[in-house]
Amino acid sequence: MPFFFDFLVNKKQIFIFYSMVVINKGVANELFFNLTSKKRLASSPFIFIKFTNDMTKQDYFVYPTEVVKPRFSSMSFTEGTHISLGAEGFYTYVIYQVTTNDLSNDSTLTSSRIIERGKALVKDASVTEVSYTQYTPTSNKNTTNSNTQYLSI
């Protein structure tokens, strides 16, 4: 889902809901945006997306396949085929409306071409977290002194 805010007022409290785009590495991804009302130029039929890794500042670009519905646009691309993003983590995305489908970067684009900005989370399902079970101390002076505390996780 795109990054957005929604407000819910409940007498004395205001709740703010938000979500962001989630991209899974190595698989086909389908993203949904409300671009129909944001597109400016009828003569610019292509969508060009720039992803910037928040840590490394490395830029990645893709022309997604767009399917326009009455209230939203569906963008699809395969990570690893159409675009190869860097490490998993948080990215900033910028969506441009462009006239050609042969751009390799955004150096020639102006801010008037931007139709949406937001945050994306890139996940890698092939990376598993380390699971800890138990540590059994050995009989050396570093682990058998009385200052050592052992935790069971």
N, C-alpha and C. Protein backbone atom coordinates (compact mmCIF):
# COMPACT_ATOMS: atom_id res chain seq x y z
N MET A 1 0.84 -1.18 0.00
CA MET A 1 0.00 0.00 0.00
C MET A 1 0.88 1.24 0.00
N PRO A 2 0.39 2.31 -0.56
CA PRO A 2 1.16 3.54 -0.52
C PRO A 2 1.14 4.15 0.87
N PHE A 3 2.09 5.01 1.09
CA PHE A 3 2.22 5.71 2.37
C PHE A 3 1.12 6.76 2.44
N PHE A 4 0.26 6.69 3.44
CA PHE A 4 -0.78 7.69 3.58
C PHE A 4 -1.16 7.83 5.04
N PHE A 5 -1.83 8.93 5.34
CA PHE A 5 -2.33 9.17 6.68
C PHE A 5 -3.84 9.17 6.63
N ASP A 6 -4.45 8.68 7.68
CA ASP A 6 -5.89 8.72 7.82
C ASP A 6 -6.19 9.08 9.26
N PHE A 7 -7.14 9.95 9.48
CA PHE A 7 -7.45 10.41 10.82
C PHE A 7 -8.78 9.83 11.28
N LEU A 8 -8.83 9.39 12.52
CA LEU A 8 -10.05 8.89 13.11
C LEU A 8 -10.22 9.61 14.45
N VAL A 9 -11.30 10.33 14.57
CA VAL A 9 -11.54 11.09 15.80
C VAL A 9 -12.52 10.31 16.66
N ASN A 10 -12.17 10.12 17.92
CA ASN A 10 -13.00 9.38 18.86
C ASN A 10 -13.12 10.21 20.14
N LYS A 11 -14.08 11.12 20.17
CA LYS A 11 -14.35 12.04 21.28
C LYS A 11 -13.11 12.80 21.73
N LYS A 12 -12.24 12.24 22.55
CA LYS A 12 -11.09 12.96 23.08
C LYS A 12 -9.77 12.54 22.46
N GLN A 13 -9.78 11.59 21.55
CA GLN A 13 -8.54 11.09 20.99
C GLN A 13 -8.58 11.18 19.47
N ILE A 14 -7.42 11.42 18.89
CA ILE A 14 -7.27 11.38 17.45
C ILE A 14 -6.27 10.27 17.13
N PHE A 15 -6.66 9.35 16.28
CA PHE A 15 -5.81 8.26 15.87
C PHE A 15 -5.30 8.54 14.46
N ILE A 16 -4.02 8.33 14.24
CA ILE A 16 -3.45 8.51 12.91
C ILE A 16 -2.99 7.15 12.41
N PHE A 17 -3.54 6.71 11.28
CA PHE A 17 -3.18 5.44 10.68
C PHE A 17 -2.30 5.72 9.46
N TYR A 18 -1.31 4.91 9.25
CA TYR A 18 -0.48 5.06 8.06
C TYR A 18 0.00 3.69 7.61
N SER A 19 0.39 3.63 6.38
CA SER A 19 0.98 2.41 5.85
C SER A 19 2.01 2.80 4.80
N MET A 20 2.79 1.83 4.36
CA MET A 20 3.80 2.12 3.35
C MET A 20 3.86 0.97 2.36
N VAL A 21 4.54 1.21 1.27
CA VAL A 21 4.73 0.20 0.24
C VAL A 21 5.66 -0.88 0.80
N VAL A 22 5.30 -2.15 0.58
CA VAL A 22 6.16 -3.26 0.98
C VAL A 22 6.55 -4.01 -0.28
N ILE A 23 7.87 -4.18 -0.49
CA ILE A 23 8.40 -4.87 -1.66
C ILE A 23 9.16 -6.09 -1.18
N ASN A 24 8.83 -7.24 -1.75
CA ASN A 24 9.52 -8.48 -1.41
C ASN A 24 10.56 -8.78 -2.48
N LYS A 25 11.78 -9.06 -2.05
CA LYS A 25 12.88 -9.33 -2.99
C LYS A 25 12.68 -10.69 -3.67
N GLY A 26 13.03 -10.73 -4.95
CA GLY A 26 13.04 -11.98 -5.70
C GLY A 26 11.70 -12.49 -6.17
N VAL A 27 10.63 -11.71 -6.02
CA VAL A 27 9.30 -12.15 -6.43
C VAL A 27 8.58 -11.02 -7.16
N ALA A 28 7.45 -11.36 -7.77
CA ALA A 28 6.62 -10.34 -8.42
C ALA A 28 5.91 -9.53 -7.34
N ASN A 29 5.91 -8.23 -7.50
CA ASN A 29 5.28 -7.32 -6.55
C ASN A 29 4.20 -6.52 -7.26
N GLU A 30 3.08 -6.33 -6.58
CA GLU A 30 2.00 -5.50 -7.10
C GLU A 30 1.72 -4.41 -6.07
N LEU A 31 1.85 -3.17 -6.49
CA LEU A 31 1.66 -2.02 -5.62
C LEU A 31 0.44 -1.24 -6.08
N PHE A 32 -0.28 -0.66 -5.15
CA PHE A 32 -1.49 0.09 -5.47
C PHE A 32 -1.33 1.54 -5.04
N PHE A 33 -1.64 2.45 -5.97
CA PHE A 33 -1.53 3.88 -5.71
C PHE A 33 -2.77 4.58 -6.24
N ASN A 34 -3.11 5.70 -5.64
CA ASN A 34 -4.16 6.56 -6.16
C ASN A 34 -3.52 7.61 -7.05
N LEU A 35 -3.16 7.23 -8.26
CA LEU A 35 -2.49 8.15 -9.18
C LEU A 35 -3.45 8.78 -10.18
N THR A 36 -4.65 8.24 -10.29
CA THR A 36 -5.60 8.70 -11.29
C THR A 36 -5.86 10.19 -11.15
N SER A 37 -6.05 10.66 -9.94
CA SER A 37 -6.34 12.08 -9.73
C SER A 37 -5.08 12.94 -9.72
N LYS A 38 -3.90 12.33 -9.68
CA LYS A 38 -2.65 13.09 -9.59
C LYS A 38 -1.95 13.27 -10.92
N LYS A 39 -2.31 12.47 -11.92
CA LYS A 39 -1.65 12.59 -13.22
C LYS A 39 -1.99 13.94 -13.84
N ARG A 40 -0.98 14.56 -14.42
CA ARG A 40 -1.14 15.93 -14.91
C ARG A 40 -1.24 16.02 -16.43
N LEU A 41 -0.48 15.20 -17.12
CA LEU A 41 -0.37 15.34 -18.57
C LEU A 41 -0.92 14.11 -19.27
N ALA A 42 -1.92 14.31 -20.10
CA ALA A 42 -2.49 13.19 -20.85
C ALA A 42 -1.50 12.64 -21.86
N SER A 43 -0.53 13.46 -22.27
CA SER A 43 0.45 13.03 -23.26
C SER A 43 1.64 12.30 -22.63
N SER A 44 1.58 12.02 -21.34
CA SER A 44 2.66 11.31 -20.64
C SER A 44 2.15 9.97 -20.13
N PRO A 45 2.18 8.95 -20.96
CA PRO A 45 1.54 7.70 -20.58
C PRO A 45 2.35 6.76 -19.68
N PHE A 46 3.63 7.05 -19.45
CA PHE A 46 4.49 6.11 -18.72
C PHE A 46 4.72 6.54 -17.28
N ILE A 47 4.88 5.54 -16.44
CA ILE A 47 5.22 5.75 -15.03
C ILE A 47 6.65 5.26 -14.83
N PHE A 48 7.45 6.07 -14.17
CA PHE A 48 8.86 5.78 -13.89
C PHE A 48 9.07 5.96 -12.39
N ILE A 49 9.58 4.92 -11.71
CA ILE A 49 9.73 4.98 -10.26
C ILE A 49 11.21 4.94 -9.89
N LYS A 50 11.57 5.82 -8.97
CA LYS A 50 12.93 5.86 -8.42
C LYS A 50 12.85 5.43 -6.95
N PHE A 51 13.66 4.45 -6.58
CA PHE A 51 13.78 4.01 -5.18
C PHE A 51 15.17 4.43 -4.70
N THR A 52 15.25 5.07 -3.55
CA THR A 52 16.53 5.47 -2.96
C THR A 52 16.67 4.80 -1.60
N ASN A 53 17.73 4.02 -1.43
CA ASN A 53 17.99 3.36 -0.16
C ASN A 53 18.30 4.44 0.88
N ASP A 54 17.58 4.41 2.00
CA ASP A 54 17.75 5.44 3.02
C ASP A 54 19.12 5.41 3.68
N MET A 55 19.78 4.26 3.73
CA MET A 55 21.08 4.17 4.37
C MET A 55 22.22 4.48 3.41
N THR A 56 22.22 3.86 2.25
CA THR A 56 23.33 4.00 1.31
C THR A 56 23.16 5.15 0.32
N LYS A 57 21.93 5.65 0.17
CA LYS A 57 21.58 6.70 -0.79
C LYS A 57 21.74 6.25 -2.24
N GLN A 58 21.83 4.95 -2.48
CA GLN A 58 21.91 4.38 -3.82
C GLN A 58 20.53 4.46 -4.48
N ASP A 59 20.48 4.87 -5.75
CA ASP A 59 19.22 4.99 -6.49
C ASP A 59 19.00 3.77 -7.39
N TYR A 60 17.73 3.37 -7.51
CA TYR A 60 17.31 2.26 -8.38
C TYR A 60 16.08 2.73 -9.13
N PHE A 61 15.96 2.32 -10.41
CA PHE A 61 14.88 2.81 -11.26
C PHE A 61 14.15 1.65 -11.92
N VAL A 62 12.84 1.85 -12.15
CA VAL A 62 12.04 0.81 -12.80
C VAL A 62 10.86 1.45 -13.54
N TYR A 63 10.50 0.85 -14.67
CA TYR A 63 9.26 1.14 -15.37
C TYR A 63 8.29 0.01 -15.03
N PRO A 64 7.37 0.21 -14.11
CA PRO A 64 6.43 -0.87 -13.78
C PRO A 64 5.35 -1.00 -14.85
N THR A 65 4.70 -2.14 -14.84
CA THR A 65 3.53 -2.34 -15.69
C THR A 65 2.35 -1.73 -14.94
N GLU A 66 1.67 -0.80 -15.57
CA GLU A 66 0.57 -0.10 -14.90
C GLU A 66 -0.77 -0.55 -15.45
N VAL A 67 -1.70 -0.85 -14.55
CA VAL A 67 -3.08 -1.12 -14.91
C VAL A 67 -3.92 -0.07 -14.20
N VAL A 68 -4.62 0.76 -14.97
CA VAL A 68 -5.40 1.85 -14.40
C VAL A 68 -6.82 1.38 -14.17
N LYS A 69 -7.27 1.51 -12.94
CA LYS A 69 -8.64 1.20 -12.53
C LYS A 69 -9.35 2.54 -12.31
N PRO A 70 -10.67 2.54 -12.12
CA PRO A 70 -11.37 3.81 -11.93
C PRO A 70 -10.85 4.64 -10.75
N ARG A 71 -10.46 4.01 -9.65
CA ARG A 71 -10.05 4.78 -8.47
C ARG A 71 -8.58 4.63 -8.09
N PHE A 72 -7.87 3.70 -8.73
CA PHE A 72 -6.46 3.51 -8.37
C PHE A 72 -5.70 2.91 -9.53
N SER A 73 -4.38 2.93 -9.39
CA SER A 73 -3.50 2.31 -10.38
C SER A 73 -2.78 1.15 -9.73
N SER A 74 -2.66 0.06 -10.44
CA SER A 74 -1.92 -1.10 -9.97
C SER A 74 -0.59 -1.13 -10.72
N MET A 75 0.51 -1.14 -9.98
CA MET A 75 1.85 -1.20 -10.58
C MET A 75 2.46 -2.55 -10.26
N SER A 76 3.01 -3.21 -11.25
CA SER A 76 3.63 -4.50 -10.99
C SER A 76 5.01 -4.56 -11.64
N PHE A 77 5.92 -5.23 -10.94
CA PHE A 77 7.27 -5.48 -11.42
C PHE A 77 7.83 -6.62 -10.59
N THR A 78 8.85 -7.28 -11.14
CA THR A 78 9.51 -8.37 -10.42
C THR A 78 10.86 -7.89 -9.93
N GLU A 79 11.05 -7.91 -8.62
CA GLU A 79 12.34 -7.52 -8.05
C GLU A 79 13.32 -8.63 -8.39
N GLY A 80 14.46 -8.25 -8.92
CA GLY A 80 15.45 -9.22 -9.37
C GLY A 80 15.46 -9.39 -10.88
N THR A 81 14.37 -9.01 -11.54
CA THR A 81 14.28 -9.07 -13.00
C THR A 81 14.18 -7.67 -13.58
N HIS A 82 13.11 -6.95 -13.24
CA HIS A 82 12.91 -5.60 -13.75
C HIS A 82 13.75 -4.57 -12.98
N ILE A 83 14.00 -4.85 -11.73
CA ILE A 83 14.79 -3.98 -10.87
C ILE A 83 15.48 -4.86 -9.83
N SER A 84 16.72 -4.57 -9.53
CA SER A 84 17.45 -5.32 -8.50
C SER A 84 17.82 -4.35 -7.38
N LEU A 85 16.99 -4.33 -6.36
CA LEU A 85 17.22 -3.43 -5.24
C LEU A 85 18.36 -3.95 -4.38
N GLY A 86 18.96 -3.05 -3.61
CA GLY A 86 20.06 -3.42 -2.73
C GLY A 86 19.57 -4.17 -1.51
N ALA A 87 20.22 -3.93 -0.40
CA ALA A 87 19.91 -4.62 0.84
C ALA A 87 18.48 -4.32 1.30
N GLU A 88 17.92 -5.25 2.07
CA GLU A 88 16.60 -5.00 2.61
C GLU A 88 16.67 -3.83 3.59
N GLY A 89 15.56 -3.16 3.75
CA GLY A 89 15.50 -2.00 4.61
C GLY A 89 14.53 -0.98 4.06
N PHE A 90 14.69 0.26 4.48
CA PHE A 90 13.77 1.32 4.09
C PHE A 90 14.32 2.11 2.91
N TYR A 91 13.39 2.44 2.02
CA TYR A 91 13.69 3.21 0.82
C TYR A 91 12.69 4.35 0.71
N THR A 92 13.10 5.40 0.01
CA THR A 92 12.20 6.48 -0.36
C THR A 92 11.88 6.31 -1.84
N TYR A 93 10.60 6.40 -2.20
CA TYR A 93 10.27 6.28 -3.61
C TYR A 93 9.71 7.59 -4.14
N VAL A 94 9.96 7.83 -5.43
CA VAL A 94 9.41 8.97 -6.15
C VAL A 94 8.82 8.42 -7.44
N ILE A 95 7.56 8.74 -7.70
CA ILE A 95 6.89 8.30 -8.93
C ILE A 95 6.79 9.48 -9.88
N TYR A 96 7.30 9.27 -11.10
CA TYR A 96 7.27 10.30 -12.14
C TYR A 96 6.29 9.89 -13.24
N GLN A 97 5.67 10.87 -13.85
CA GLN A 97 4.89 10.66 -15.06
C GLN A 97 5.75 11.17 -16.21
N VAL A 98 6.09 10.27 -17.15
CA VAL A 98 7.03 10.61 -18.22
C VAL A 98 6.46 10.29 -19.60
N THR A 99 7.10 10.84 -20.63
CA THR A 99 6.62 10.67 -22.00
C THR A 99 7.30 9.53 -22.74
N THR A 100 8.45 9.05 -22.25
CA THR A 100 9.17 7.97 -22.93
C THR A 100 9.44 6.83 -21.96
N ASN A 101 9.75 5.68 -22.51
CA ASN A 101 10.06 4.53 -21.64
C ASN A 101 11.51 4.07 -21.81
N ASP A 102 12.42 5.03 -22.03
CA ASP A 102 13.83 4.68 -22.23
C ASP A 102 14.77 5.40 -21.26
N LEU A 103 14.25 5.91 -20.17
CA LEU A 103 15.10 6.59 -19.18
C LEU A 103 15.86 5.56 -18.34
N SER A 104 17.08 5.92 -17.97
CA SER A 104 17.85 5.04 -17.07
C SER A 104 18.11 5.72 -15.72
N ASN A 105 17.80 7.01 -15.62
CA ASN A 105 17.89 7.73 -14.35
C ASN A 105 16.98 8.95 -14.43
N ASP A 106 16.96 9.74 -13.36
CA ASP A 106 16.05 10.88 -13.32
C ASP A 106 16.75 12.22 -13.50
N SER A 107 17.95 12.22 -14.06
CA SER A 107 18.74 13.45 -14.17
C SER A 107 18.09 14.48 -15.10
N THR A 108 17.28 14.05 -16.05
CA THR A 108 16.66 14.99 -16.99
C THR A 108 15.24 15.37 -16.58
N LEU A 109 14.76 14.81 -15.49
CA LEU A 109 13.38 15.07 -15.07
C LEU A 109 13.31 16.24 -14.10
N THR A 110 12.23 17.00 -14.18
CA THR A 110 12.02 18.11 -13.27
C THR A 110 10.99 17.71 -12.21
N SER A 111 10.88 18.52 -11.19
CA SER A 111 9.94 18.22 -10.11
C SER A 111 8.49 18.28 -10.57
N SER A 112 8.22 18.93 -11.70
CA SER A 112 6.85 18.99 -12.22
C SER A 112 6.37 17.63 -12.70
N ARG A 113 7.27 16.69 -12.91
CA ARG A 113 6.91 15.34 -13.35
C ARG A 113 6.56 14.42 -12.17
N ILE A 114 6.85 14.84 -10.94
CA ILE A 114 6.59 14.00 -9.76
C ILE A 114 5.09 13.98 -9.47
N ILE A 115 4.54 12.77 -9.32
CA ILE A 115 3.12 12.66 -8.98
C ILE A 115 2.90 12.01 -7.61
N GLU A 116 3.95 11.39 -7.04
CA GLU A 116 3.82 10.85 -5.68
C GLU A 116 5.19 10.57 -5.11
N ARG A 117 5.30 10.72 -3.78
CA ARG A 117 6.50 10.37 -3.02
C ARG A 117 6.05 9.58 -1.81
N GLY A 118 6.95 8.73 -1.29
CA GLY A 118 6.60 7.98 -0.10
C GLY A 118 7.74 7.10 0.38
N LYS A 119 7.42 6.20 1.30
CA LYS A 119 8.39 5.28 1.88
C LYS A 119 8.04 3.86 1.48
N ALA A 120 9.10 3.06 1.34
CA ALA A 120 8.93 1.64 1.00
C ALA A 120 9.80 0.82 1.94
N LEU A 121 9.31 -0.36 2.26
CA LEU A 121 10.08 -1.32 3.04
C LEU A 121 10.39 -2.49 2.14
N VAL A 122 11.67 -2.79 1.97
CA VAL A 122 12.09 -3.92 1.15
C VAL A 122 12.43 -5.06 2.08
N LYS A 123 11.77 -6.21 1.85
CA LYS A 123 11.97 -7.39 2.68
C LYS A 123 12.61 -8.50 1.86
N ASP A 124 13.42 -9.31 2.50
CA ASP A 124 14.05 -10.45 1.84
C ASP A 124 13.68 -11.71 2.61
N ALA A 125 12.76 -12.50 2.05
CA ALA A 125 12.27 -13.71 2.73
C ALA A 125 13.33 -14.80 2.79
N SER A 126 14.37 -14.70 1.95
CA SER A 126 15.40 -15.74 1.96
C SER A 126 16.35 -15.58 3.15
N VAL A 127 16.32 -14.44 3.81
CA VAL A 127 17.17 -14.21 4.97
C VAL A 127 16.36 -14.54 6.22
N THR A 128 16.84 -15.48 6.98
CA THR A 128 16.13 -15.85 8.21
C THR A 128 16.86 -15.28 9.41
N GLU A 129 16.10 -15.03 10.44
CA GLU A 129 16.71 -14.50 11.66
C GLU A 129 17.38 -15.62 12.44
N VAL A 130 18.38 -15.25 13.19
CA VAL A 130 19.10 -16.22 14.02
C VAL A 130 18.21 -16.58 15.20
N SER A 131 18.10 -17.86 15.48
CA SER A 131 17.35 -18.26 16.67
C SER A 131 18.33 -18.75 17.72
N TYR A 132 18.18 -18.25 18.91
CA TYR A 132 19.05 -18.61 20.01
C TYR A 132 18.34 -19.63 20.88
N THR A 133 19.08 -20.59 21.35
CA THR A 133 18.47 -21.58 22.23
C THR A 133 19.07 -21.46 23.63
N GLN A 134 20.27 -21.92 23.81
CA GLN A 134 20.88 -21.87 25.13
C GLN A 134 22.40 -21.90 24.98
N TYR A 135 23.08 -21.24 25.90
CA TYR A 135 24.53 -21.24 25.90
C TYR A 135 25.01 -22.06 27.09
N THR A 136 25.88 -23.00 26.84
CA THR A 136 26.46 -23.80 27.91
C THR A 136 27.89 -23.33 28.13
N PRO A 137 28.19 -22.81 29.32
CA PRO A 137 29.54 -22.29 29.55
C PRO A 137 30.59 -23.39 29.57
N THR A 138 31.75 -23.01 29.11
CA THR A 138 32.88 -23.94 29.17
C THR A 138 33.65 -23.68 30.45
N SER A 139 34.58 -24.52 30.76
CA SER A 139 35.32 -24.37 32.02
C SER A 139 36.62 -23.60 31.80
N ASN A 140 36.50 -22.35 31.47
CA ASN A 140 37.69 -21.50 31.45
C ASN A 140 37.44 -20.31 32.37
N LYS A 141 38.46 -19.60 32.70
CA LYS A 141 38.32 -18.55 33.71
C LYS A 141 37.45 -17.38 33.27
N ASN A 142 37.23 -17.22 31.95
CA ASN A 142 36.38 -16.12 31.48
C ASN A 142 34.90 -16.40 31.65
N THR A 143 34.50 -17.67 31.70
CA THR A 143 33.07 -17.97 31.79
C THR A 143 32.66 -18.60 33.11
N THR A 144 33.58 -18.89 33.95
CA THR A 144 33.20 -19.53 35.21
C THR A 144 33.38 -18.61 36.41
N ASN A 145 33.70 -17.34 36.18
CA ASN A 145 33.82 -16.45 37.33
C ASN A 145 32.43 -16.05 37.82
N SER A 146 32.35 -15.46 38.98
CA SER A 146 31.06 -15.15 39.58
C SER A 146 30.43 -13.88 39.01
N ASN A 147 31.10 -13.19 38.12
CA ASN A 147 30.54 -11.96 37.54
C ASN A 147 29.69 -12.23 36.31
N THR A 148 29.62 -13.45 35.84
CA THR A 148 28.93 -13.77 34.60
C THR A 148 27.48 -14.14 34.88
N GLN A 149 26.59 -13.55 34.09
CA GLN A 149 25.16 -13.88 34.16
C GLN A 149 24.78 -14.56 32.85
N TYR A 150 24.02 -15.65 32.89
CA TYR A 150 23.59 -16.35 31.70
C TYR A 150 22.09 -16.18 31.55
N LEU A 151 21.67 -15.89 30.36
CA LEU A 151 20.26 -15.67 30.08
C LEU A 151 19.73 -16.79 29.20
N SER A 152 18.54 -17.23 29.47
CA SER A 152 17.86 -18.18 28.60
C SER A 152 16.86 -17.41 27.76
N ILE A 153 16.98 -17.54 26.46
CA ILE A 153 16.08 -16.81 25.58
C ILE A 153 15.07 -17.78 24.98
